[in-house]
Amino acid sequence: MVQRIWHGYTTLENADAYENLLINEIMPGIADKQIPGYLGMQILRRISEECNDEVEFISIMNFSKLEDITGFMGKDYAVANLPEKAVKLMKRYDTRSQHYDIRDQKEY
């Protein structure tokens, strides 16, 4: 399994609006595309440790293999893909995503 990880930061004032956009539009929109190998998405949220007037969001998309991501994103698969609605709510964000192979995963 491969995880696609991306970080974005909003102001405190925009955090709830961005989270609602993620949950109600972006995540269902990705699921509706029925991307081969797409296994779901997690969203993490916290007050930024570096700047306490920012809210940090981390999105983690799970795919069966890297080829599924390149099929979804194209040759430059690491480029971030944000809808304009999301960009308007962001203070700053990664322009590229990181990709990690899951080497081991156990439930204890």
N, C-alpha and C. Protein backbone atom coordinates (compact mmCIF):
# COMPACT_ATOMS: atom_id res chain seq x y z
N MET A 1 0.85 -1.17 0.00
CA MET A 1 0.00 0.00 0.00
C MET A 1 0.89 1.23 0.00
N VAL A 2 0.42 2.30 -0.62
CA VAL A 2 1.14 3.58 -0.70
C VAL A 2 0.24 4.67 -0.12
N GLN A 3 0.85 5.55 0.66
CA GLN A 3 0.11 6.70 1.18
C GLN A 3 0.62 7.97 0.52
N ARG A 4 -0.32 8.79 0.08
CA ARG A 4 -0.04 10.11 -0.49
C ARG A 4 -0.36 11.12 0.60
N ILE A 5 0.65 11.86 1.04
CA ILE A 5 0.50 12.75 2.19
C ILE A 5 0.74 14.18 1.76
N TRP A 6 -0.14 15.06 2.23
CA TRP A 6 -0.09 16.47 1.85
C TRP A 6 -0.44 17.33 3.07
N HIS A 7 0.24 18.49 3.19
CA HIS A 7 0.00 19.43 4.29
C HIS A 7 -0.52 20.75 3.75
N GLY A 8 -1.52 21.29 4.45
CA GLY A 8 -2.04 22.62 4.14
C GLY A 8 -2.38 23.35 5.42
N TYR A 9 -2.35 24.66 5.36
CA TYR A 9 -2.57 25.49 6.55
C TYR A 9 -3.60 26.56 6.24
N THR A 10 -4.55 26.73 7.17
CA THR A 10 -5.55 27.78 7.05
C THR A 10 -5.38 28.74 8.24
N THR A 11 -6.08 29.84 8.17
CA THR A 11 -6.21 30.69 9.34
C THR A 11 -7.21 30.03 10.28
N LEU A 12 -7.24 30.46 11.52
CA LEU A 12 -8.23 29.95 12.46
C LEU A 12 -9.64 30.19 11.93
N GLU A 13 -9.85 31.36 11.31
CA GLU A 13 -11.17 31.73 10.81
C GLU A 13 -11.64 30.84 9.66
N ASN A 14 -10.72 30.32 8.86
CA ASN A 14 -11.09 29.51 7.70
C ASN A 14 -11.07 28.01 7.95
N ALA A 15 -10.62 27.59 9.12
CA ALA A 15 -10.42 26.16 9.38
C ALA A 15 -11.71 25.34 9.25
N ASP A 16 -12.78 25.80 9.88
CA ASP A 16 -14.03 25.03 9.82
C ASP A 16 -14.59 24.99 8.40
N ALA A 17 -14.49 26.09 7.68
CA ALA A 17 -14.97 26.12 6.30
C ALA A 17 -14.17 25.16 5.43
N TYR A 18 -12.85 25.12 5.62
CA TYR A 18 -12.02 24.20 4.84
C TYR A 18 -12.35 22.75 5.19
N GLU A 19 -12.49 22.47 6.48
CA GLU A 19 -12.83 21.10 6.89
C GLU A 19 -14.17 20.68 6.29
N ASN A 20 -15.15 21.55 6.33
CA ASN A 20 -16.46 21.23 5.74
C ASN A 20 -16.35 20.99 4.24
N LEU A 21 -15.54 21.78 3.56
CA LEU A 21 -15.33 21.58 2.12
C LEU A 21 -14.71 20.21 1.87
N LEU A 22 -13.71 19.85 2.66
CA LEU A 22 -13.09 18.53 2.53
C LEU A 22 -14.10 17.41 2.70
N ILE A 23 -14.83 17.46 3.80
CA ILE A 23 -15.73 16.37 4.17
C ILE A 23 -16.95 16.28 3.25
N ASN A 24 -17.48 17.42 2.85
CA ASN A 24 -18.74 17.42 2.11
C ASN A 24 -18.61 17.48 0.59
N GLU A 25 -17.45 17.92 0.09
CA GLU A 25 -17.29 18.03 -1.36
C GLU A 25 -16.06 17.29 -1.91
N ILE A 26 -14.90 17.60 -1.36
CA ILE A 26 -13.66 17.07 -1.94
C ILE A 26 -13.56 15.55 -1.76
N MET A 27 -13.71 15.07 -0.53
CA MET A 27 -13.57 13.63 -0.30
C MET A 27 -14.64 12.82 -1.05
N PRO A 28 -15.93 13.22 -1.00
CA PRO A 28 -16.92 12.48 -1.79
C PRO A 28 -16.65 12.56 -3.30
N GLY A 29 -16.14 13.71 -3.77
CA GLY A 29 -15.82 13.86 -5.18
C GLY A 29 -14.72 12.90 -5.63
N ILE A 30 -13.72 12.71 -4.78
CA ILE A 30 -12.66 11.76 -5.10
C ILE A 30 -13.23 10.35 -5.11
N ALA A 31 -14.03 10.00 -4.12
CA ALA A 31 -14.62 8.66 -4.05
C ALA A 31 -15.51 8.39 -5.26
N ASP A 32 -16.25 9.40 -5.71
CA ASP A 32 -17.15 9.25 -6.85
C ASP A 32 -16.42 8.94 -8.15
N LYS A 33 -15.15 9.31 -8.23
CA LYS A 33 -14.37 9.05 -9.44
C LYS A 33 -14.04 7.57 -9.61
N GLN A 34 -14.21 6.79 -8.53
CA GLN A 34 -13.91 5.36 -8.56
C GLN A 34 -12.54 5.08 -9.16
N ILE A 35 -11.54 5.72 -8.61
CA ILE A 35 -10.16 5.60 -9.07
C ILE A 35 -9.66 4.19 -8.76
N PRO A 36 -9.18 3.47 -9.75
CA PRO A 36 -8.65 2.13 -9.49
C PRO A 36 -7.54 2.19 -8.43
N GLY A 37 -7.62 1.32 -7.44
CA GLY A 37 -6.61 1.25 -6.40
C GLY A 37 -6.77 2.24 -5.27
N TYR A 38 -7.73 3.14 -5.35
CA TYR A 38 -7.97 4.11 -4.28
C TYR A 38 -8.65 3.41 -3.12
N LEU A 39 -8.06 3.54 -1.92
CA LEU A 39 -8.55 2.81 -0.75
C LEU A 39 -9.12 3.71 0.34
N GLY A 40 -9.21 5.00 0.08
CA GLY A 40 -9.79 5.90 1.07
C GLY A 40 -8.85 7.01 1.47
N MET A 41 -9.34 7.85 2.38
CA MET A 41 -8.62 9.06 2.74
C MET A 41 -8.87 9.39 4.20
N GLN A 42 -7.85 9.93 4.86
CA GLN A 42 -7.95 10.41 6.23
C GLN A 42 -7.58 11.89 6.25
N ILE A 43 -8.21 12.63 7.15
CA ILE A 43 -7.89 14.03 7.34
C ILE A 43 -7.49 14.23 8.80
N LEU A 44 -6.35 14.85 9.01
CA LEU A 44 -5.88 15.19 10.35
C LEU A 44 -5.91 16.71 10.49
N ARG A 45 -6.20 17.18 11.70
CA ARG A 45 -6.29 18.63 11.94
C ARG A 45 -5.71 18.94 13.32
N ARG A 46 -4.95 20.05 13.39
CA ARG A 46 -4.43 20.53 14.67
C ARG A 46 -4.05 21.99 14.55
N ILE A 47 -3.93 22.66 15.70
CA ILE A 47 -3.37 24.00 15.73
C ILE A 47 -1.88 23.84 15.46
N SER A 48 -1.35 24.62 14.54
CA SER A 48 0.05 24.53 14.17
C SER A 48 0.96 24.84 15.35
N GLU A 49 1.97 24.01 15.56
CA GLU A 49 2.95 24.28 16.62
C GLU A 49 3.87 25.43 16.27
N GLU A 50 4.09 25.65 14.98
CA GLU A 50 5.00 26.70 14.53
C GLU A 50 4.37 28.09 14.61
N CYS A 51 3.07 28.14 14.42
CA CYS A 51 2.38 29.42 14.37
C CYS A 51 0.96 29.20 14.87
N ASN A 52 0.68 29.60 16.12
CA ASN A 52 -0.58 29.22 16.73
C ASN A 52 -1.81 29.98 16.21
N ASP A 53 -1.63 30.79 15.17
CA ASP A 53 -2.82 31.37 14.53
C ASP A 53 -3.12 30.65 13.21
N GLU A 54 -2.51 29.48 13.01
CA GLU A 54 -2.76 28.65 11.84
C GLU A 54 -3.32 27.30 12.28
N VAL A 55 -4.11 26.71 11.41
CA VAL A 55 -4.57 25.35 11.61
C VAL A 55 -3.95 24.49 10.51
N GLU A 56 -3.29 23.43 10.92
CA GLU A 56 -2.64 22.52 9.98
C GLU A 56 -3.59 21.37 9.66
N PHE A 57 -3.69 21.07 8.38
CA PHE A 57 -4.42 19.90 7.90
C PHE A 57 -3.45 18.99 7.19
N ILE A 58 -3.59 17.70 7.43
CA ILE A 58 -2.82 16.70 6.70
C ILE A 58 -3.83 15.76 6.06
N SER A 59 -3.70 15.58 4.76
CA SER A 59 -4.54 14.58 4.09
C SER A 59 -3.66 13.38 3.78
N ILE A 60 -4.22 12.21 4.01
CA ILE A 60 -3.53 10.95 3.75
C ILE A 60 -4.45 10.12 2.86
N MET A 61 -4.03 9.95 1.64
CA MET A 61 -4.79 9.13 0.68
C MET A 61 -4.10 7.78 0.58
N ASN A 62 -4.88 6.72 0.59
CA ASN A 62 -4.34 5.38 0.50
C ASN A 62 -4.64 4.76 -0.86
N PHE A 63 -3.60 4.18 -1.45
CA PHE A 63 -3.71 3.53 -2.74
C PHE A 63 -3.04 2.15 -2.66
N SER A 64 -3.49 1.26 -3.50
CA SER A 64 -2.90 -0.08 -3.53
C SER A 64 -1.43 -0.06 -3.92
N LYS A 65 -1.12 0.76 -4.94
CA LYS A 65 0.27 0.82 -5.43
C LYS A 65 0.51 2.17 -6.10
N LEU A 66 1.77 2.52 -6.29
CA LEU A 66 2.14 3.81 -6.86
C LEU A 66 1.54 4.01 -8.26
N GLU A 67 1.45 2.95 -9.03
CA GLU A 67 0.89 3.06 -10.38
C GLU A 67 -0.56 3.56 -10.35
N ASP A 68 -1.28 3.27 -9.27
CA ASP A 68 -2.65 3.79 -9.14
C ASP A 68 -2.65 5.31 -9.00
N ILE A 69 -1.64 5.84 -8.32
CA ILE A 69 -1.53 7.30 -8.16
C ILE A 69 -1.16 7.95 -9.47
N THR A 70 -0.22 7.35 -10.20
CA THR A 70 0.16 7.93 -11.49
C THR A 70 -1.01 7.86 -12.47
N GLY A 71 -1.85 6.83 -12.37
CA GLY A 71 -3.04 6.76 -13.21
C GLY A 71 -4.03 7.86 -12.89
N PHE A 72 -4.07 8.26 -11.62
CA PHE A 72 -4.98 9.30 -11.14
C PHE A 72 -4.41 10.70 -11.41
N MET A 73 -3.10 10.89 -11.17
CA MET A 73 -2.48 12.22 -11.22
C MET A 73 -1.67 12.48 -12.48
N GLY A 74 -1.25 11.44 -13.17
CA GLY A 74 -0.42 11.63 -14.35
C GLY A 74 1.06 11.46 -14.03
N LYS A 75 1.89 11.78 -15.02
CA LYS A 75 3.34 11.56 -14.92
C LYS A 75 3.95 12.30 -13.73
N ASP A 76 3.58 13.55 -13.52
CA ASP A 76 4.08 14.32 -12.38
C ASP A 76 3.13 14.10 -11.21
N TYR A 77 3.10 12.89 -10.71
CA TYR A 77 2.10 12.47 -9.73
C TYR A 77 2.23 13.14 -8.37
N ALA A 78 3.35 13.76 -8.07
CA ALA A 78 3.55 14.39 -6.76
C ALA A 78 2.93 15.79 -6.67
N VAL A 79 2.59 16.38 -7.80
CA VAL A 79 2.04 17.73 -7.78
C VAL A 79 0.72 17.75 -6.98
N ALA A 80 0.55 18.78 -6.18
CA ALA A 80 -0.68 18.93 -5.41
C ALA A 80 -1.82 19.33 -6.34
N ASN A 81 -3.00 18.85 -6.04
CA ASN A 81 -4.17 19.12 -6.88
C ASN A 81 -5.28 19.66 -5.99
N LEU A 82 -5.39 20.99 -5.91
CA LEU A 82 -6.39 21.62 -5.05
C LEU A 82 -7.43 22.34 -5.88
N PRO A 83 -8.70 22.12 -5.57
CA PRO A 83 -9.73 22.91 -6.24
C PRO A 83 -9.61 24.39 -5.84
N GLU A 84 -10.04 25.27 -6.70
CA GLU A 84 -9.94 26.71 -6.44
C GLU A 84 -10.64 27.10 -5.14
N LYS A 85 -11.76 26.45 -4.83
CA LYS A 85 -12.47 26.73 -3.57
C LYS A 85 -11.56 26.48 -2.37
N ALA A 86 -10.75 25.44 -2.44
CA ALA A 86 -9.84 25.11 -1.35
C ALA A 86 -8.70 26.12 -1.28
N VAL A 87 -8.14 26.46 -2.43
CA VAL A 87 -7.02 27.41 -2.46
C VAL A 87 -7.42 28.72 -1.79
N LYS A 88 -8.64 29.17 -2.02
CA LYS A 88 -9.10 30.43 -1.45
C LYS A 88 -9.15 30.41 0.08
N LEU A 89 -9.26 29.23 0.66
CA LEU A 89 -9.32 29.11 2.12
C LEU A 89 -7.95 28.87 2.76
N MET A 90 -6.95 28.57 1.95
CA MET A 90 -5.63 28.22 2.47
C MET A 90 -4.78 29.47 2.74
N LYS A 91 -4.01 29.40 3.79
CA LYS A 91 -3.00 30.42 4.08
C LYS A 91 -1.71 30.07 3.34
N ARG A 92 -1.38 28.79 3.38
CA ARG A 92 -0.23 28.25 2.65
C ARG A 92 -0.41 26.74 2.55
N TYR A 93 0.33 26.13 1.62
CA TYR A 93 0.19 24.68 1.45
C TYR A 93 1.36 24.14 0.65
N ASP A 94 1.56 22.82 0.80
CA ASP A 94 2.59 22.14 0.02
C ASP A 94 2.16 22.12 -1.45
N THR A 95 3.09 22.41 -2.33
CA THR A 95 2.78 22.33 -3.76
C THR A 95 2.98 20.92 -4.30
N ARG A 96 3.60 20.07 -3.48
CA ARG A 96 3.83 18.69 -3.87
C ARG A 96 3.49 17.77 -2.70
N SER A 97 2.99 16.61 -3.02
CA SER A 97 2.68 15.59 -2.02
C SER A 97 3.86 14.65 -1.88
N GLN A 98 3.92 13.98 -0.75
CA GLN A 98 4.94 12.96 -0.51
C GLN A 98 4.25 11.60 -0.57
N HIS A 99 5.02 10.60 -0.96
CA HIS A 99 4.48 9.25 -1.11
C HIS A 99 5.35 8.26 -0.34
N TYR A 100 4.67 7.41 0.43
CA TYR A 100 5.37 6.46 1.29
C TYR A 100 4.78 5.07 1.10
N ASP A 101 5.67 4.09 1.01
CA ASP A 101 5.25 2.69 1.03
C ASP A 101 4.98 2.31 2.48
N ILE A 102 3.86 1.66 2.73
CA ILE A 102 3.60 1.13 4.06
C ILE A 102 4.34 -0.20 4.14
N ARG A 103 5.26 -0.28 5.06
CA ARG A 103 6.10 -1.46 5.18
C ARG A 103 5.52 -2.50 6.13
N ASP A 104 4.78 -2.02 7.13
CA ASP A 104 4.18 -2.94 8.09
C ASP A 104 3.02 -2.22 8.76
N GLN A 105 1.98 -2.96 9.05
CA GLN A 105 0.83 -2.38 9.72
C GLN A 105 0.16 -3.50 10.51
N LYS A 106 0.10 -3.30 11.82
CA LYS A 106 -0.51 -4.30 12.69
C LYS A 106 -1.45 -3.61 13.66
N GLU A 107 -2.46 -4.33 14.05
CA GLU A 107 -3.35 -3.85 15.10
C GLU A 107 -3.04 -4.63 16.36
N TYR A 108 -2.86 -3.93 17.46
CA TYR A 108 -2.55 -4.59 18.73
C TYR A 108 -3.70 -4.47 19.67
